[in-house]
N, C-alpha and C. Protein backbone atom coordinates (compact mmCIF):
# COMPACT_ATOMS: atom_id res chain seq x y z
N MET A 1 9.75 -4.71 -3.86
CA MET A 1 9.26 -3.43 -3.40
C MET A 1 8.14 -2.91 -4.32
N ILE A 2 8.34 -3.09 -5.62
CA ILE A 2 7.36 -2.58 -6.57
C ILE A 2 6.06 -3.38 -6.47
N LEU A 3 6.18 -4.71 -6.31
CA LEU A 3 4.97 -5.52 -6.17
C LEU A 3 4.22 -5.19 -4.87
N TRP A 4 4.96 -4.91 -3.81
CA TRP A 4 4.32 -4.53 -2.55
C TRP A 4 3.58 -3.21 -2.70
N ALA A 5 4.22 -2.23 -3.33
CA ALA A 5 3.58 -0.92 -3.53
C ALA A 5 2.38 -1.03 -4.47
N THR A 6 2.48 -1.90 -5.47
CA THR A 6 1.35 -2.11 -6.37
C THR A 6 0.17 -2.73 -5.65
N SER A 7 0.46 -3.70 -4.77
CA SER A 7 -0.63 -4.32 -4.01
C SER A 7 -1.28 -3.33 -3.06
N ILE A 8 -0.51 -2.45 -2.46
CA ILE A 8 -1.08 -1.41 -1.60
C ILE A 8 -1.94 -0.46 -2.45
N GLY A 9 -1.47 -0.14 -3.65
CA GLY A 9 -2.26 0.72 -4.54
C GLY A 9 -3.57 0.08 -4.94
N LEU A 10 -3.55 -1.21 -5.26
CA LEU A 10 -4.78 -1.91 -5.61
C LEU A 10 -5.73 -1.97 -4.41
N PHE A 11 -5.19 -2.18 -3.23
CA PHE A 11 -6.01 -2.17 -2.02
C PHE A 11 -6.65 -0.80 -1.81
N CYS A 12 -5.89 0.26 -2.07
CA CYS A 12 -6.44 1.62 -1.92
C CYS A 12 -7.58 1.87 -2.91
N ILE A 13 -7.40 1.42 -4.14
CA ILE A 13 -8.46 1.59 -5.13
C ILE A 13 -9.72 0.85 -4.70
N GLY A 14 -9.56 -0.38 -4.24
CA GLY A 14 -10.71 -1.16 -3.78
C GLY A 14 -11.41 -0.54 -2.59
N GLN A 15 -10.63 -0.03 -1.65
CA GLN A 15 -11.23 0.58 -0.48
C GLN A 15 -11.93 1.88 -0.82
N LEU A 16 -11.35 2.67 -1.70
CA LEU A 16 -11.99 3.93 -2.11
C LEU A 16 -13.31 3.68 -2.82
N LEU A 17 -13.33 2.71 -3.72
CA LEU A 17 -14.56 2.40 -4.42
C LEU A 17 -15.60 1.79 -3.48
N GLY A 18 -15.15 0.92 -2.58
CA GLY A 18 -16.08 0.34 -1.60
C GLY A 18 -16.63 1.38 -0.64
N GLY A 19 -15.77 2.30 -0.21
CA GLY A 19 -16.22 3.36 0.69
C GLY A 19 -17.24 4.28 0.03
N LEU A 20 -16.98 4.62 -1.24
CA LEU A 20 -17.96 5.44 -1.96
C LEU A 20 -19.28 4.70 -2.12
N ASN A 21 -19.22 3.40 -2.34
CA ASN A 21 -20.43 2.60 -2.46
C ASN A 21 -21.22 2.61 -1.16
N PHE A 22 -20.55 2.41 -0.03
CA PHE A 22 -21.25 2.42 1.26
C PHE A 22 -21.87 3.78 1.55
N ILE A 23 -21.15 4.86 1.26
CA ILE A 23 -21.65 6.20 1.55
C ILE A 23 -22.87 6.52 0.70
N THR A 24 -22.78 6.25 -0.60
CA THR A 24 -23.92 6.56 -1.45
C THR A 24 -25.11 5.66 -1.15
N THR A 25 -24.85 4.41 -0.79
CA THR A 25 -25.95 3.52 -0.43
C THR A 25 -26.62 3.99 0.85
N THR A 26 -25.85 4.39 1.83
CA THR A 26 -26.41 4.85 3.09
C THR A 26 -27.25 6.12 2.90
N LEU A 27 -26.76 7.05 2.08
CA LEU A 27 -27.47 8.31 1.91
C LEU A 27 -28.66 8.19 0.96
N ASP A 28 -28.56 7.38 -0.06
CA ASP A 28 -29.62 7.33 -1.08
C ASP A 28 -30.66 6.25 -0.85
N MET A 29 -30.34 5.17 -0.19
CA MET A 29 -31.26 4.04 -0.09
C MET A 29 -31.92 3.90 1.28
N ARG A 30 -31.98 5.00 2.02
CA ARG A 30 -32.69 4.96 3.30
C ARG A 30 -34.18 4.83 3.05
N CYS A 31 -34.91 4.37 4.06
CA CYS A 31 -36.36 4.31 3.94
C CYS A 31 -36.92 5.72 3.80
N LYS A 32 -38.06 5.82 3.18
CA LYS A 32 -38.68 7.12 2.98
C LYS A 32 -39.06 7.72 4.35
N GLY A 33 -38.66 8.95 4.57
CA GLY A 33 -38.95 9.62 5.82
C GLY A 33 -37.94 9.39 6.92
N MET A 34 -36.93 8.55 6.71
CA MET A 34 -35.94 8.28 7.75
C MET A 34 -34.81 9.32 7.66
N SER A 35 -34.61 10.04 8.74
CA SER A 35 -33.53 11.02 8.75
C SER A 35 -32.24 10.32 9.16
N LEU A 36 -31.14 11.05 9.06
CA LEU A 36 -29.85 10.46 9.43
C LEU A 36 -29.78 10.15 10.92
N MET A 37 -30.48 10.94 11.73
CA MET A 37 -30.44 10.71 13.17
C MET A 37 -31.24 9.48 13.60
N ARG A 38 -32.08 8.97 12.73
CA ARG A 38 -32.85 7.78 13.07
C ARG A 38 -32.25 6.49 12.52
N LEU A 39 -31.08 6.60 11.88
CA LEU A 39 -30.42 5.41 11.36
C LEU A 39 -29.95 4.51 12.51
N PRO A 40 -29.93 3.22 12.30
CA PRO A 40 -29.40 2.33 13.34
C PRO A 40 -27.90 2.56 13.55
N LEU A 41 -27.43 2.11 14.69
CA LEU A 41 -26.02 2.31 15.04
C LEU A 41 -25.09 1.58 14.07
N THR A 42 -25.52 0.44 13.58
CA THR A 42 -24.69 -0.31 12.63
C THR A 42 -24.51 0.46 11.33
N ALA A 43 -25.57 1.09 10.85
CA ALA A 43 -25.46 1.87 9.63
C ALA A 43 -24.55 3.08 9.84
N TRP A 44 -24.64 3.70 11.02
CA TRP A 44 -23.74 4.80 11.33
C TRP A 44 -22.29 4.33 11.37
N ALA A 45 -22.05 3.15 11.92
CA ALA A 45 -20.70 2.61 11.99
C ALA A 45 -20.13 2.38 10.60
N TRP A 46 -20.92 1.80 9.70
CA TRP A 46 -20.47 1.58 8.33
C TRP A 46 -20.20 2.92 7.64
N PHE A 47 -21.10 3.86 7.85
CA PHE A 47 -20.98 5.17 7.21
C PHE A 47 -19.70 5.88 7.67
N LEU A 48 -19.49 5.95 8.98
CA LEU A 48 -18.32 6.67 9.50
C LEU A 48 -17.02 5.95 9.18
N THR A 49 -17.04 4.63 9.17
CA THR A 49 -15.85 3.89 8.77
C THR A 49 -15.50 4.15 7.31
N SER A 50 -16.50 4.27 6.47
CA SER A 50 -16.25 4.58 5.06
C SER A 50 -15.70 5.98 4.88
N VAL A 51 -16.22 6.93 5.64
CA VAL A 51 -15.72 8.31 5.55
C VAL A 51 -14.26 8.38 6.02
N MET A 52 -13.95 7.70 7.14
CA MET A 52 -12.56 7.68 7.61
C MET A 52 -11.64 6.97 6.62
N GLY A 53 -12.13 5.89 5.99
CA GLY A 53 -11.33 5.20 4.99
C GLY A 53 -11.06 6.06 3.79
N LEU A 54 -12.06 6.83 3.36
CA LEU A 54 -11.84 7.75 2.23
C LEU A 54 -10.79 8.79 2.58
N ALA A 55 -10.84 9.30 3.79
CA ALA A 55 -9.86 10.32 4.19
C ALA A 55 -8.43 9.74 4.26
N ALA A 56 -8.32 8.51 4.75
CA ALA A 56 -6.98 7.93 4.91
C ALA A 56 -6.42 7.42 3.59
N PHE A 57 -7.22 6.67 2.85
CA PHE A 57 -6.70 6.03 1.64
C PHE A 57 -6.62 6.99 0.46
N ALA A 58 -7.33 8.10 0.52
CA ALA A 58 -7.16 9.11 -0.53
C ALA A 58 -5.78 9.77 -0.43
N VAL A 59 -5.16 9.73 0.72
CA VAL A 59 -3.81 10.26 0.89
C VAL A 59 -2.77 9.19 0.60
N LEU A 60 -3.07 7.94 0.97
CA LEU A 60 -2.11 6.86 0.76
C LEU A 60 -1.94 6.50 -0.72
N MET A 61 -3.00 6.64 -1.49
CA MET A 61 -2.94 6.27 -2.91
C MET A 61 -1.93 7.11 -3.70
N PRO A 62 -1.96 8.44 -3.64
CA PRO A 62 -0.92 9.21 -4.37
C PRO A 62 0.48 8.95 -3.83
N ALA A 63 0.62 8.73 -2.53
CA ALA A 63 1.95 8.42 -1.98
C ALA A 63 2.48 7.11 -2.55
N THR A 64 1.61 6.14 -2.72
CA THR A 64 2.02 4.87 -3.31
C THR A 64 2.41 5.05 -4.77
N ILE A 65 1.66 5.85 -5.49
CA ILE A 65 1.99 6.11 -6.89
C ILE A 65 3.35 6.81 -7.00
N LEU A 66 3.59 7.76 -6.13
CA LEU A 66 4.88 8.47 -6.16
C LEU A 66 6.02 7.53 -5.77
N LEU A 67 5.79 6.59 -4.84
CA LEU A 67 6.81 5.63 -4.46
C LEU A 67 7.13 4.70 -5.63
N ILE A 68 6.12 4.27 -6.36
CA ILE A 68 6.36 3.43 -7.54
C ILE A 68 7.13 4.21 -8.60
N LEU A 69 6.78 5.48 -8.79
CA LEU A 69 7.51 6.30 -9.76
C LEU A 69 8.96 6.51 -9.35
N ASP A 70 9.23 6.60 -8.04
CA ASP A 70 10.61 6.71 -7.58
C ASP A 70 11.42 5.49 -7.98
N HIS A 71 10.84 4.31 -7.87
CA HIS A 71 11.57 3.09 -8.15
C HIS A 71 11.65 2.78 -9.66
N VAL A 72 10.61 3.08 -10.38
CA VAL A 72 10.56 2.70 -11.79
C VAL A 72 11.12 3.78 -12.70
N ALA A 73 10.63 5.01 -12.51
CA ALA A 73 10.99 6.09 -13.44
C ALA A 73 12.19 6.92 -13.00
N GLY A 74 12.69 6.69 -11.80
CA GLY A 74 13.86 7.43 -11.35
C GLY A 74 13.57 8.82 -10.85
N THR A 75 12.33 9.09 -10.48
CA THR A 75 12.02 10.42 -9.93
C THR A 75 12.58 10.53 -8.52
N SER A 76 12.45 11.69 -7.89
CA SER A 76 13.04 11.89 -6.57
C SER A 76 12.04 12.55 -5.62
N PHE A 77 10.86 11.95 -5.49
CA PHE A 77 9.88 12.50 -4.57
C PHE A 77 10.25 12.22 -3.12
N PHE A 78 10.77 11.02 -2.84
CA PHE A 78 11.08 10.64 -1.48
C PHE A 78 12.57 10.49 -1.23
N VAL A 79 13.38 11.25 -1.94
CA VAL A 79 14.82 11.24 -1.77
C VAL A 79 15.20 12.52 -1.01
N ALA A 80 16.10 12.36 -0.07
CA ALA A 80 16.53 13.52 0.71
C ALA A 80 17.20 14.55 -0.21
N SER A 81 16.99 15.83 0.07
CA SER A 81 17.46 16.88 -0.84
C SER A 81 18.98 17.07 -0.79
N ASN A 82 19.64 16.62 0.29
CA ASN A 82 21.09 16.84 0.36
C ASN A 82 21.88 15.65 -0.19
N TRP A 83 21.24 14.72 -0.85
CA TRP A 83 21.97 13.59 -1.43
C TRP A 83 22.39 13.97 -2.80
């Protein structure tokens, strides 16, 4: 379980860094004079996929850390309160 959660955490870190890379590249490295509305559809697809990935994996990463802490450190983030 701990190895699985660690691998999910590493995947989240990689996706967050990759998503930030795609977003900054799309916004900063456009041709001079090209607005966002003139970007090709492929660039828009990469940009929006990166934004959605940031939104999803930014939430999954702390949940994975808390799950690892539940198993390793004995915390009770995901334990029912009536137990």
